[in-house]
N, C-alpha and C. Protein backbone atom coordinates (compact mmCIF):
# COMPACT_ATOMS: atom_id res chain seq x y z
N MET A 1 -1.74 19.68 4.30
CA MET A 1 -1.07 18.41 4.54
C MET A 1 0.02 18.16 3.49
N VAL A 2 -0.36 18.33 2.23
CA VAL A 2 0.58 18.05 1.15
C VAL A 2 1.74 19.03 1.17
N ALA A 3 1.47 20.30 1.43
CA ALA A 3 2.54 21.29 1.51
C ALA A 3 3.52 20.93 2.64
N ASP A 4 3.00 20.47 3.76
CA ASP A 4 3.84 20.08 4.88
C ASP A 4 4.71 18.88 4.52
N LEU A 5 4.10 17.88 3.88
CA LEU A 5 4.85 16.68 3.49
C LEU A 5 5.94 17.02 2.47
N LYS A 6 5.64 17.94 1.58
CA LYS A 6 6.64 18.37 0.60
C LYS A 6 7.78 19.11 1.28
N ALA A 7 7.46 19.98 2.22
CA ALA A 7 8.49 20.74 2.93
C ALA A 7 9.40 19.82 3.73
N ARG A 8 8.86 18.74 4.25
CA ARG A 8 9.63 17.80 5.06
C ARG A 8 10.36 16.75 4.24
N GLY A 9 10.14 16.73 2.93
CA GLY A 9 10.85 15.81 2.06
C GLY A 9 10.20 14.46 1.88
N ALA A 10 9.01 14.25 2.45
CA ALA A 10 8.31 12.98 2.26
C ALA A 10 7.79 12.88 0.83
N ILE A 11 7.35 14.02 0.30
CA ILE A 11 6.96 14.09 -1.11
C ILE A 11 8.10 14.74 -1.88
N ARG A 12 8.60 14.04 -2.90
CA ARG A 12 9.74 14.56 -3.66
C ARG A 12 9.40 14.84 -5.12
N SER A 13 8.43 14.11 -5.64
CA SER A 13 8.13 14.24 -7.07
C SER A 13 6.82 14.98 -7.30
N PRO A 14 6.70 15.69 -8.42
CA PRO A 14 5.44 16.36 -8.73
C PRO A 14 4.30 15.38 -8.94
N GLN A 15 4.61 14.16 -9.37
CA GLN A 15 3.56 13.16 -9.61
C GLN A 15 2.89 12.75 -8.29
N VAL A 16 3.69 12.46 -7.27
CA VAL A 16 3.13 12.07 -5.98
C VAL A 16 2.41 13.25 -5.34
N GLU A 17 2.97 14.44 -5.49
CA GLU A 17 2.31 15.64 -4.96
C GLU A 17 0.92 15.80 -5.57
N ALA A 18 0.84 15.68 -6.89
CA ALA A 18 -0.45 15.86 -7.58
C ALA A 18 -1.44 14.77 -7.17
N ALA A 19 -0.96 13.53 -7.05
CA ALA A 19 -1.85 12.43 -6.68
C ALA A 19 -2.43 12.64 -5.29
N MET A 20 -1.59 13.05 -4.34
CA MET A 20 -2.08 13.22 -2.97
C MET A 20 -2.96 14.46 -2.83
N LEU A 21 -2.79 15.43 -3.69
CA LEU A 21 -3.70 16.58 -3.71
C LEU A 21 -5.08 16.19 -4.22
N ARG A 22 -5.12 15.20 -5.12
CA ARG A 22 -6.40 14.83 -5.74
C ARG A 22 -7.23 13.86 -4.90
N VAL A 23 -6.58 13.06 -4.05
CA VAL A 23 -7.33 12.03 -3.32
C VAL A 23 -7.99 12.62 -2.08
N PRO A 24 -9.32 12.51 -1.95
CA PRO A 24 -10.03 13.04 -0.79
C PRO A 24 -9.89 12.09 0.41
N ARG A 25 -8.85 12.29 1.23
CA ARG A 25 -8.54 11.35 2.31
C ARG A 25 -9.70 11.19 3.30
N HIS A 26 -10.50 12.25 3.46
CA HIS A 26 -11.60 12.17 4.43
C HIS A 26 -12.62 11.10 4.08
N LEU A 27 -12.70 10.71 2.80
CA LEU A 27 -13.63 9.67 2.40
C LEU A 27 -13.17 8.28 2.84
N PHE A 28 -11.92 8.18 3.27
CA PHE A 28 -11.34 6.87 3.59
C PHE A 28 -11.11 6.67 5.08
N VAL A 29 -11.64 7.55 5.91
CA VAL A 29 -11.52 7.40 7.36
C VAL A 29 -12.92 7.34 7.96
N PRO A 30 -13.07 6.74 9.15
CA PRO A 30 -14.39 6.70 9.79
C PRO A 30 -14.94 8.10 10.02
N GLU A 31 -16.26 8.20 10.05
CA GLU A 31 -16.93 9.49 10.19
C GLU A 31 -16.39 10.30 11.37
N HIS A 32 -16.19 9.64 12.52
CA HIS A 32 -15.76 10.38 13.71
C HIS A 32 -14.31 10.86 13.62
N CYS A 33 -13.54 10.32 12.64
CA CYS A 33 -12.14 10.73 12.47
C CYS A 33 -11.97 11.78 11.38
N ARG A 34 -13.03 12.15 10.71
CA ARG A 34 -12.88 13.06 9.56
C ARG A 34 -12.27 14.41 9.90
N PRO A 35 -12.50 14.96 11.08
CA PRO A 35 -11.80 16.22 11.41
C PRO A 35 -10.28 16.06 11.47
N LEU A 36 -9.80 14.82 11.60
CA LEU A 36 -8.36 14.56 11.69
C LEU A 36 -7.79 14.01 10.39
N ALA A 37 -8.61 13.94 9.35
CA ALA A 37 -8.22 13.23 8.13
C ALA A 37 -6.95 13.77 7.49
N TYR A 38 -6.69 15.07 7.61
CA TYR A 38 -5.54 15.67 6.93
C TYR A 38 -4.39 15.98 7.87
N ARG A 39 -4.39 15.35 9.04
CA ARG A 39 -3.22 15.40 9.91
C ARG A 39 -2.27 14.28 9.52
N ASP A 40 -0.99 14.51 9.73
CA ASP A 40 -0.02 13.48 9.36
C ASP A 40 0.14 12.47 10.51
N SER A 41 -0.88 11.64 10.65
CA SER A 41 -0.84 10.61 11.69
C SER A 41 -1.70 9.44 11.25
N PRO A 42 -1.37 8.22 11.71
CA PRO A 42 -2.24 7.08 11.43
C PRO A 42 -3.54 7.24 12.20
N LEU A 43 -4.61 6.65 11.68
CA LEU A 43 -5.91 6.73 12.33
C LEU A 43 -6.53 5.34 12.39
N PRO A 44 -7.32 5.06 13.44
CA PRO A 44 -7.95 3.74 13.53
C PRO A 44 -9.07 3.58 12.52
N ILE A 45 -9.17 2.37 11.96
CA ILE A 45 -10.32 2.02 11.12
C ILE A 45 -10.92 0.74 11.72
N ALA A 46 -11.74 0.04 11.01
CA ALA A 46 -12.41 -1.13 11.56
C ALA A 46 -11.47 -2.32 11.74
N ASP A 47 -11.93 -3.32 12.49
CA ASP A 47 -11.23 -4.60 12.67
C ASP A 47 -9.84 -4.45 13.28
N GLY A 48 -9.64 -3.42 14.10
CA GLY A 48 -8.37 -3.25 14.78
C GLY A 48 -7.23 -2.82 13.87
N GLN A 49 -7.54 -2.33 12.68
CA GLN A 49 -6.51 -1.92 11.72
C GLN A 49 -6.38 -0.39 11.73
N THR A 50 -5.43 0.11 10.95
CA THR A 50 -5.21 1.56 10.88
C THR A 50 -5.03 2.00 9.43
N ILE A 51 -5.29 3.28 9.19
CA ILE A 51 -4.90 3.91 7.93
C ILE A 51 -3.55 4.56 8.18
N SER A 52 -2.60 4.30 7.30
CA SER A 52 -1.24 4.79 7.49
C SER A 52 -1.19 6.32 7.49
N ALA A 53 -0.22 6.86 8.20
CA ALA A 53 0.01 8.30 8.18
C ALA A 53 0.34 8.73 6.75
N PRO A 54 -0.10 9.91 6.33
CA PRO A 54 0.16 10.37 4.96
C PRO A 54 1.64 10.36 4.57
N HIS A 55 2.55 10.65 5.51
CA HIS A 55 3.97 10.66 5.13
C HIS A 55 4.44 9.27 4.72
N MET A 56 3.86 8.21 5.32
CA MET A 56 4.24 6.85 4.96
C MET A 56 3.68 6.47 3.59
N VAL A 57 2.46 6.91 3.31
CA VAL A 57 1.87 6.69 1.99
C VAL A 57 2.74 7.35 0.92
N ALA A 58 3.14 8.59 1.19
CA ALA A 58 3.98 9.31 0.24
C ALA A 58 5.33 8.63 0.06
N MET A 59 5.94 8.22 1.17
CA MET A 59 7.25 7.58 1.13
C MET A 59 7.22 6.30 0.30
N MET A 60 6.16 5.50 0.51
CA MET A 60 6.06 4.25 -0.24
C MET A 60 5.79 4.50 -1.72
N ALA A 61 4.96 5.49 -2.01
CA ALA A 61 4.69 5.82 -3.41
C ALA A 61 5.96 6.28 -4.12
N GLU A 62 6.75 7.10 -3.45
CA GLU A 62 8.01 7.56 -4.04
C GLU A 62 8.97 6.38 -4.26
N ALA A 63 9.05 5.48 -3.29
CA ALA A 63 9.97 4.34 -3.40
C ALA A 63 9.56 3.39 -4.52
N LEU A 64 8.26 3.28 -4.78
CA LEU A 64 7.77 2.39 -5.83
C LEU A 64 7.98 2.96 -7.22
N ASP A 65 8.09 4.29 -7.35
CA ASP A 65 8.26 4.93 -8.65
C ASP A 65 7.13 4.52 -9.59
N LEU A 66 5.92 4.80 -9.17
CA LEU A 66 4.72 4.41 -9.93
C LEU A 66 4.53 5.31 -11.14
N GLY A 67 3.99 4.72 -12.22
CA GLY A 67 3.78 5.49 -13.43
C GLY A 67 2.61 4.98 -14.24
N PRO A 68 2.18 5.74 -15.24
CA PRO A 68 1.01 5.39 -16.05
C PRO A 68 1.14 4.00 -16.69
N GLY A 69 0.03 3.27 -16.68
CA GLY A 69 -0.04 1.98 -17.36
C GLY A 69 0.43 0.79 -16.56
N GLN A 70 0.98 1.02 -15.37
CA GLN A 70 1.50 -0.10 -14.59
C GLN A 70 0.38 -0.91 -13.94
N ARG A 71 0.66 -2.19 -13.73
CA ARG A 71 -0.22 -3.07 -12.97
C ARG A 71 0.40 -3.24 -11.59
N VAL A 72 -0.38 -2.92 -10.56
CA VAL A 72 0.12 -2.89 -9.19
C VAL A 72 -0.68 -3.83 -8.30
N LEU A 73 0.00 -4.56 -7.43
CA LEU A 73 -0.64 -5.35 -6.40
C LEU A 73 -0.39 -4.67 -5.06
N GLU A 74 -1.46 -4.45 -4.30
CA GLU A 74 -1.33 -3.97 -2.94
C GLU A 74 -1.77 -5.07 -1.99
N VAL A 75 -0.96 -5.35 -0.98
CA VAL A 75 -1.31 -6.33 0.05
C VAL A 75 -1.69 -5.55 1.31
N GLY A 76 -2.96 -5.64 1.69
CA GLY A 76 -3.46 -4.90 2.84
C GLY A 76 -4.23 -3.67 2.41
N THR A 77 -5.46 -3.85 1.96
CA THR A 77 -6.27 -2.75 1.44
C THR A 77 -6.57 -1.71 2.51
N GLY A 78 -6.91 -2.20 3.71
CA GLY A 78 -7.31 -1.28 4.77
C GLY A 78 -8.48 -0.42 4.36
N SER A 79 -8.32 0.88 4.45
CA SER A 79 -9.40 1.82 4.11
C SER A 79 -9.55 2.05 2.62
N GLY A 80 -8.52 1.72 1.84
CA GLY A 80 -8.53 1.98 0.41
C GLY A 80 -7.79 3.24 0.01
N TYR A 81 -7.32 4.02 0.99
CA TYR A 81 -6.67 5.30 0.68
C TYR A 81 -5.38 5.11 -0.13
N ASN A 82 -4.53 4.20 0.31
CA ASN A 82 -3.27 3.98 -0.40
C ASN A 82 -3.54 3.51 -1.83
N ALA A 83 -4.55 2.66 -2.00
CA ALA A 83 -4.91 2.20 -3.34
C ALA A 83 -5.35 3.36 -4.21
N ALA A 84 -6.07 4.32 -3.61
CA ALA A 84 -6.53 5.49 -4.38
C ALA A 84 -5.35 6.34 -4.85
N VAL A 85 -4.37 6.55 -3.97
CA VAL A 85 -3.18 7.32 -4.36
C VAL A 85 -2.45 6.61 -5.50
N MET A 86 -2.30 5.30 -5.39
CA MET A 86 -1.62 4.55 -6.45
C MET A 86 -2.44 4.55 -7.73
N ALA A 87 -3.77 4.50 -7.61
CA ALA A 87 -4.63 4.55 -8.80
C ALA A 87 -4.44 5.85 -9.56
N GLU A 88 -4.27 6.95 -8.83
CA GLU A 88 -3.98 8.23 -9.48
C GLU A 88 -2.67 8.16 -10.26
N LEU A 89 -1.68 7.51 -9.68
CA LEU A 89 -0.35 7.49 -10.28
C LEU A 89 -0.24 6.55 -11.48
N VAL A 90 -1.03 5.47 -11.51
CA VAL A 90 -0.93 4.54 -12.64
C VAL A 90 -1.89 4.91 -13.77
N GLY A 91 -2.82 5.82 -13.53
CA GLY A 91 -3.69 6.30 -14.60
C GLY A 91 -4.48 5.21 -15.26
N ASP A 92 -4.15 4.90 -16.53
CA ASP A 92 -4.88 3.86 -17.26
C ASP A 92 -4.37 2.46 -16.93
N GLY A 93 -3.50 2.34 -15.94
CA GLY A 93 -3.08 1.03 -15.45
C GLY A 93 -4.13 0.48 -14.49
N LYS A 94 -3.70 -0.43 -13.61
CA LYS A 94 -4.66 -1.08 -12.72
C LYS A 94 -4.03 -1.37 -11.37
N VAL A 95 -4.80 -1.19 -10.31
CA VAL A 95 -4.39 -1.57 -8.96
C VAL A 95 -5.27 -2.73 -8.50
N VAL A 96 -4.64 -3.83 -8.13
CA VAL A 96 -5.33 -4.95 -7.51
C VAL A 96 -4.95 -4.94 -6.04
N THR A 97 -5.93 -4.85 -5.15
CA THR A 97 -5.62 -4.75 -3.72
C THR A 97 -6.34 -5.86 -2.97
N ILE A 98 -5.62 -6.55 -2.10
CA ILE A 98 -6.15 -7.73 -1.41
C ILE A 98 -6.20 -7.50 0.09
N GLU A 99 -7.31 -7.89 0.70
CA GLU A 99 -7.58 -7.64 2.11
C GLU A 99 -8.16 -8.90 2.75
N ARG A 100 -7.64 -9.28 3.92
CA ARG A 100 -8.12 -10.50 4.57
C ARG A 100 -9.44 -10.28 5.32
N HIS A 101 -9.75 -9.04 5.71
CA HIS A 101 -10.99 -8.74 6.41
C HIS A 101 -12.07 -8.34 5.39
N ALA A 102 -13.11 -9.18 5.27
CA ALA A 102 -14.15 -8.90 4.28
C ALA A 102 -14.84 -7.58 4.53
N SER A 103 -15.04 -7.22 5.82
CA SER A 103 -15.73 -5.96 6.13
C SER A 103 -14.91 -4.76 5.69
N LEU A 104 -13.57 -4.83 5.87
CA LEU A 104 -12.71 -3.75 5.40
C LEU A 104 -12.72 -3.65 3.88
N ALA A 105 -12.67 -4.80 3.22
CA ALA A 105 -12.69 -4.81 1.76
C ALA A 105 -13.97 -4.17 1.24
N GLU A 106 -15.09 -4.48 1.89
CA GLU A 106 -16.37 -3.89 1.48
C GLU A 106 -16.38 -2.38 1.67
N GLY A 107 -15.87 -1.94 2.82
CA GLY A 107 -15.82 -0.50 3.08
C GLY A 107 -14.90 0.23 2.12
N ALA A 108 -13.75 -0.38 1.82
CA ALA A 108 -12.80 0.23 0.88
C ALA A 108 -13.40 0.31 -0.51
N SER A 109 -14.09 -0.75 -0.93
CA SER A 109 -14.73 -0.74 -2.25
C SER A 109 -15.72 0.39 -2.36
N LYS A 110 -16.51 0.58 -1.31
CA LYS A 110 -17.51 1.64 -1.30
C LYS A 110 -16.84 3.02 -1.38
N ALA A 111 -15.79 3.23 -0.57
CA ALA A 111 -15.10 4.52 -0.59
C ALA A 111 -14.45 4.79 -1.94
N LEU A 112 -13.84 3.77 -2.54
CA LEU A 112 -13.20 3.94 -3.84
C LEU A 112 -14.23 4.28 -4.92
N ARG A 113 -15.39 3.65 -4.86
CA ARG A 113 -16.46 3.98 -5.82
C ARG A 113 -16.92 5.42 -5.64
N GLU A 114 -17.12 5.81 -4.38
CA GLU A 114 -17.58 7.17 -4.10
C GLU A 114 -16.57 8.22 -4.57
N ALA A 115 -15.29 7.86 -4.47
CA ALA A 115 -14.24 8.79 -4.88
C ALA A 115 -13.98 8.74 -6.39
N GLY A 116 -14.62 7.81 -7.09
CA GLY A 116 -14.54 7.78 -8.55
C GLY A 116 -13.42 6.95 -9.14
N TYR A 117 -12.87 6.00 -8.37
CA TYR A 117 -11.77 5.18 -8.89
C TYR A 117 -12.31 3.88 -9.47
N ASP A 118 -12.21 3.75 -10.79
CA ASP A 118 -12.70 2.54 -11.45
C ASP A 118 -11.56 1.65 -11.95
N ASN A 119 -10.32 2.00 -11.59
CA ASN A 119 -9.17 1.19 -12.00
C ASN A 119 -8.58 0.42 -10.82
N VAL A 120 -9.42 0.18 -9.80
CA VAL A 120 -8.98 -0.57 -8.62
C VAL A 120 -9.89 -1.79 -8.45
N ARG A 121 -9.29 -2.96 -8.30
CA ARG A 121 -10.05 -4.19 -7.99
C ARG A 121 -9.72 -4.60 -6.56
N VAL A 122 -10.75 -4.73 -5.72
CA VAL A 122 -10.58 -5.14 -4.33
C VAL A 122 -10.92 -6.62 -4.22
N VAL A 123 -9.99 -7.39 -3.62
CA VAL A 123 -10.14 -8.83 -3.50
C VAL A 123 -10.04 -9.22 -2.02
N VAL A 124 -10.85 -10.17 -1.58
CA VAL A 124 -10.74 -10.72 -0.23
C VAL A 124 -9.91 -11.99 -0.29
N GLY A 125 -8.85 -12.07 0.53
CA GLY A 125 -8.02 -13.27 0.52
C GLY A 125 -6.78 -13.13 1.37
N ASP A 126 -5.90 -14.10 1.24
CA ASP A 126 -4.63 -14.14 1.98
C ASP A 126 -3.58 -13.39 1.18
N GLY A 127 -3.31 -12.17 1.60
CA GLY A 127 -2.38 -11.33 0.85
C GLY A 127 -0.97 -11.85 0.85
N SER A 128 -0.59 -12.68 1.84
CA SER A 128 0.78 -13.21 1.88
C SER A 128 1.04 -14.13 0.69
N LEU A 129 -0.03 -14.58 0.02
CA LEU A 129 0.10 -15.43 -1.17
C LEU A 129 -0.03 -14.64 -2.45
N GLY A 130 -0.25 -13.33 -2.32
CA GLY A 130 -0.43 -12.50 -3.50
C GLY A 130 -1.76 -12.78 -4.16
N PHE A 131 -1.84 -12.49 -5.46
CA PHE A 131 -3.05 -12.76 -6.23
C PHE A 131 -2.62 -13.14 -7.64
N GLU A 132 -2.40 -14.44 -7.81
CA GLU A 132 -1.77 -14.94 -9.04
C GLU A 132 -2.62 -14.70 -10.28
N GLU A 133 -3.92 -14.60 -10.10
CA GLU A 133 -4.84 -14.45 -11.24
C GLU A 133 -4.47 -13.27 -12.14
N GLU A 134 -3.97 -12.18 -11.55
CA GLU A 134 -3.66 -10.99 -12.35
C GLU A 134 -2.16 -10.72 -12.46
N ALA A 135 -1.35 -11.66 -12.00
CA ALA A 135 0.11 -11.52 -12.10
C ALA A 135 0.55 -11.68 -13.55
N PRO A 136 1.73 -11.17 -13.93
CA PRO A 136 2.73 -10.52 -13.07
C PRO A 136 2.42 -9.04 -12.86
N TYR A 137 3.05 -8.46 -11.82
CA TYR A 137 2.84 -7.08 -11.46
C TYR A 137 4.12 -6.26 -11.66
N ASP A 138 3.93 -5.04 -12.13
CA ASP A 138 5.08 -4.13 -12.27
C ASP A 138 5.54 -3.62 -10.91
N ARG A 139 4.59 -3.46 -9.99
CA ARG A 139 4.89 -2.96 -8.66
C ARG A 139 4.05 -3.72 -7.63
N ILE A 140 4.62 -3.95 -6.45
CA ILE A 140 3.87 -4.55 -5.33
C ILE A 140 4.11 -3.70 -4.10
N SER A 141 3.02 -3.31 -3.45
CA SER A 141 3.07 -2.50 -2.23
C SER A 141 2.47 -3.31 -1.09
N VAL A 142 3.27 -3.58 -0.06
CA VAL A 142 2.80 -4.36 1.09
C VAL A 142 2.65 -3.40 2.27
N THR A 143 1.44 -3.27 2.79
CA THR A 143 1.17 -2.28 3.83
C THR A 143 0.97 -2.94 5.20
N CYS A 144 1.63 -4.07 5.41
CA CYS A 144 1.63 -4.74 6.71
C CYS A 144 2.97 -5.48 6.84
N GLY A 145 3.41 -5.66 8.09
CA GLY A 145 4.75 -6.17 8.34
C GLY A 145 4.86 -7.68 8.18
N ALA A 146 5.77 -8.12 7.33
CA ALA A 146 5.99 -9.54 7.07
C ALA A 146 7.23 -10.05 7.82
N PRO A 147 7.26 -11.36 8.17
CA PRO A 147 8.45 -11.90 8.82
C PRO A 147 9.64 -12.00 7.87
N GLU A 148 9.36 -12.07 6.58
CA GLU A 148 10.37 -12.09 5.52
C GLU A 148 9.68 -11.70 4.23
N VAL A 149 10.43 -11.48 3.19
CA VAL A 149 9.81 -11.16 1.90
C VAL A 149 9.06 -12.41 1.43
N PRO A 150 7.73 -12.35 1.32
CA PRO A 150 6.97 -13.55 0.94
C PRO A 150 7.34 -14.05 -0.46
N GLY A 151 7.69 -15.33 -0.54
CA GLY A 151 8.09 -15.92 -1.82
C GLY A 151 7.06 -15.75 -2.93
N PRO A 152 5.76 -15.98 -2.66
CA PRO A 152 4.78 -15.83 -3.73
C PRO A 152 4.74 -14.42 -4.31
N LEU A 153 4.97 -13.41 -3.48
CA LEU A 153 4.98 -12.04 -3.99
C LEU A 153 6.17 -11.80 -4.90
N LEU A 154 7.31 -12.34 -4.51
CA LEU A 154 8.50 -12.21 -5.34
C LEU A 154 8.30 -12.89 -6.69
N GLU A 155 7.65 -14.05 -6.67
CA GLU A 155 7.38 -14.78 -7.92
C GLU A 155 6.42 -14.01 -8.81
N GLN A 156 5.49 -13.28 -8.22
CA GLN A 156 4.49 -12.56 -9.01
C GLN A 156 4.96 -11.17 -9.46
N LEU A 157 6.16 -10.77 -9.02
CA LEU A 157 6.74 -9.49 -9.44
C LEU A 157 7.42 -9.66 -10.79
N ARG A 158 7.07 -8.81 -11.72
CA ARG A 158 7.62 -8.88 -13.07
C ARG A 158 9.13 -8.58 -13.07
N GLU A 159 9.87 -9.17 -13.99
CA GLU A 159 11.27 -8.83 -14.18
C GLU A 159 11.37 -7.32 -14.42
N GLY A 160 12.25 -6.67 -13.68
CA GLY A 160 12.37 -5.23 -13.76
C GLY A 160 11.44 -4.49 -12.81
N GLY A 161 10.63 -5.24 -12.06
CA GLY A 161 9.66 -4.64 -11.16
C GLY A 161 10.23 -4.30 -9.79
N THR A 162 9.41 -3.61 -9.00
CA THR A 162 9.81 -3.16 -7.67
C THR A 162 8.72 -3.48 -6.66
N MET A 163 9.15 -3.97 -5.49
CA MET A 163 8.23 -4.21 -4.37
C MET A 163 8.73 -3.44 -3.17
N VAL A 164 7.79 -2.85 -2.41
CA VAL A 164 8.12 -2.23 -1.14
C VAL A 164 7.38 -2.99 -0.05
N VAL A 165 8.13 -3.49 0.94
CA VAL A 165 7.55 -4.37 1.95
C VAL A 165 8.22 -4.16 3.31
N PRO A 166 7.45 -3.96 4.39
CA PRO A 166 8.03 -3.91 5.73
C PRO A 166 8.35 -5.33 6.19
N VAL A 167 9.57 -5.56 6.64
CA VAL A 167 9.99 -6.90 7.07
C VAL A 167 10.57 -6.82 8.48
N GLY A 168 10.09 -7.73 9.35
CA GLY A 168 10.60 -7.74 10.72
C GLY A 168 9.64 -8.44 11.65
N GLY A 169 9.54 -7.93 12.89
CA GLY A 169 8.71 -8.55 13.90
C GLY A 169 7.27 -8.07 13.87
N LEU A 170 6.55 -8.38 14.96
CA LEU A 170 5.14 -8.04 15.03
C LEU A 170 4.91 -6.55 15.27
N THR A 171 5.92 -5.86 15.79
CA THR A 171 5.74 -4.46 16.15
C THR A 171 6.58 -3.51 15.31
N TYR A 172 7.86 -3.84 15.12
CA TYR A 172 8.77 -2.97 14.37
C TYR A 172 9.33 -3.72 13.17
N GLN A 173 9.51 -2.99 12.07
CA GLN A 173 10.05 -3.59 10.85
C GLN A 173 11.02 -2.63 10.16
N SER A 174 11.70 -3.14 9.17
CA SER A 174 12.49 -2.32 8.25
C SER A 174 11.74 -2.28 6.92
N LEU A 175 11.63 -1.10 6.34
CA LEU A 175 10.96 -0.97 5.05
C LEU A 175 11.97 -1.30 3.95
N LEU A 176 11.72 -2.38 3.24
CA LEU A 176 12.63 -2.83 2.20
C LEU A 176 12.08 -2.50 0.81
N ARG A 177 12.97 -2.06 -0.07
CA ARG A 177 12.63 -1.93 -1.48
C ARG A 177 13.34 -3.06 -2.21
N VAL A 178 12.55 -3.91 -2.83
CA VAL A 178 13.07 -5.12 -3.48
C VAL A 178 12.89 -4.97 -4.98
N ARG A 179 13.98 -5.16 -5.73
CA ARG A 179 13.91 -5.02 -7.18
C ARG A 179 14.39 -6.30 -7.86
N LYS A 180 13.71 -6.64 -8.94
CA LYS A 180 14.15 -7.76 -9.80
C LYS A 180 14.91 -7.17 -10.98
N ARG A 181 16.21 -7.53 -11.08
CA ARG A 181 17.04 -6.97 -12.14
C ARG A 181 17.87 -8.08 -12.78
N GLU A 182 17.55 -8.44 -14.02
CA GLU A 182 18.33 -9.41 -14.79
C GLU A 182 18.58 -10.70 -14.01
N GLY A 183 17.49 -11.22 -13.43
CA GLY A 183 17.59 -12.49 -12.72
C GLY A 183 18.08 -12.37 -11.28
N ARG A 184 18.47 -11.16 -10.86
CA ARG A 184 18.94 -10.96 -9.49
C ARG A 184 17.86 -10.22 -8.69
N VAL A 185 17.92 -10.40 -7.37
CA VAL A 185 17.04 -9.67 -6.46
C VAL A 185 17.89 -8.69 -5.68
N GLU A 186 17.61 -7.40 -5.84
CA GLU A 186 18.36 -6.35 -5.13
C GLU A 186 17.48 -5.75 -4.05
N THR A 187 18.03 -5.56 -2.86
CA THR A 187 17.26 -5.08 -1.72
C THR A 187 17.92 -3.86 -1.09
N ASP A 188 17.12 -2.81 -0.86
CA ASP A 188 17.57 -1.61 -0.15
C ASP A 188 16.74 -1.47 1.12
N ASP A 189 17.38 -1.10 2.22
CA ASP A 189 16.69 -0.82 3.48
C ASP A 189 16.39 0.67 3.55
N LEU A 190 15.11 1.02 3.58
CA LEU A 190 14.70 2.43 3.58
C LEU A 190 14.48 2.98 4.98
N GLY A 191 14.69 2.12 6.00
CA GLY A 191 14.59 2.62 7.37
C GLY A 191 13.52 1.93 8.20
N PRO A 192 13.50 2.22 9.51
CA PRO A 192 12.55 1.57 10.42
C PRO A 192 11.13 2.10 10.27
N VAL A 193 10.17 1.19 10.41
CA VAL A 193 8.75 1.54 10.30
C VAL A 193 7.95 0.71 11.30
N VAL A 194 6.70 1.08 11.48
CA VAL A 194 5.79 0.33 12.34
C VAL A 194 4.49 0.08 11.57
N PHE A 195 4.23 -1.19 11.26
CA PHE A 195 3.00 -1.59 10.58
C PHE A 195 2.32 -2.71 11.36
N VAL A 196 1.01 -2.84 11.17
CA VAL A 196 0.32 -4.00 11.70
C VAL A 196 0.88 -5.24 11.00
N PRO A 197 0.84 -6.42 11.64
CA PRO A 197 1.47 -7.59 11.04
C PRO A 197 0.70 -8.15 9.85
N LEU A 198 1.46 -8.69 8.90
CA LEU A 198 0.89 -9.46 7.80
C LEU A 198 0.58 -10.85 8.33
N LEU A 199 -0.69 -11.21 8.29
CA LEU A 199 -1.11 -12.54 8.74
C LEU A 199 -1.43 -13.39 7.52
N GLY A 200 -1.22 -14.71 7.65
CA GLY A 200 -1.52 -15.62 6.55
C GLY A 200 -0.49 -16.71 6.43
N GLU A 201 -0.64 -17.49 5.39
CA GLU A 201 0.22 -18.67 5.21
C GLU A 201 1.70 -18.32 5.13
N ARG A 202 2.03 -17.18 4.49
CA ARG A 202 3.42 -16.77 4.36
C ARG A 202 3.72 -15.52 5.18
N GLY A 203 2.85 -15.24 6.14
CA GLY A 203 3.04 -14.10 7.03
C GLY A 203 3.20 -14.57 8.45
N HIS A 204 2.94 -13.70 9.41
CA HIS A 204 2.93 -14.08 10.80
C HIS A 204 1.70 -14.93 11.08
N ARG A 205 1.83 -15.87 11.98
CA ARG A 205 0.70 -16.76 12.29
C ARG A 205 -0.17 -16.21 13.39
N ARG A 206 0.28 -15.16 14.08
CA ARG A 206 -0.52 -14.54 15.14
C ARG A 206 -0.27 -13.05 15.15
N SER A 207 -1.19 -12.29 15.73
CA SER A 207 -1.09 -10.83 15.70
C SER A 207 -0.48 -10.25 16.95
N GLN A 208 -0.29 -11.07 18.00
CA GLN A 208 0.34 -10.54 19.21
C GLN A 208 0.88 -11.67 20.05
């Protein structure tokens, strides 16, 4: 899987390559999907959600430019796989990941423990509001589509920090990289993507 992603350009850095080689993706998918765990495709998980295709995980990790010691907020824990990849990249830093579905959060916590990640905190709540308790964050990764860049997330992003967030409708979005630089907000469009919608006070109010 990793060799294929590298050949296709989804993985560009040795850091992301090493992180994705170390994370046992099969631990983060349902038992019946484990034979498909290392295919480059999204897979269904509980509560009508999905685990992102590996190329999207790699693309977002590269765009975030994650490094040792950083504090990261993830919105949309899902299976916990993306959090595990980021945990590898931040090393002695910390990943705080927030999930609105308590059952998913519980499953992700269990998988992360089994895989040996002790630098990830899983929180149940409204991810569109971020998690102010542990702010500010060096990086924010949003793994669900928002109608706009949520204001609370921008406020919780540290000066000099980077956020990657899909923005658009309920079905299709543009993946935006948002940076805070000397009091300005700079935005790059990284291309079209398809994510489940971000629901909550600052997200979409309905899923379909």
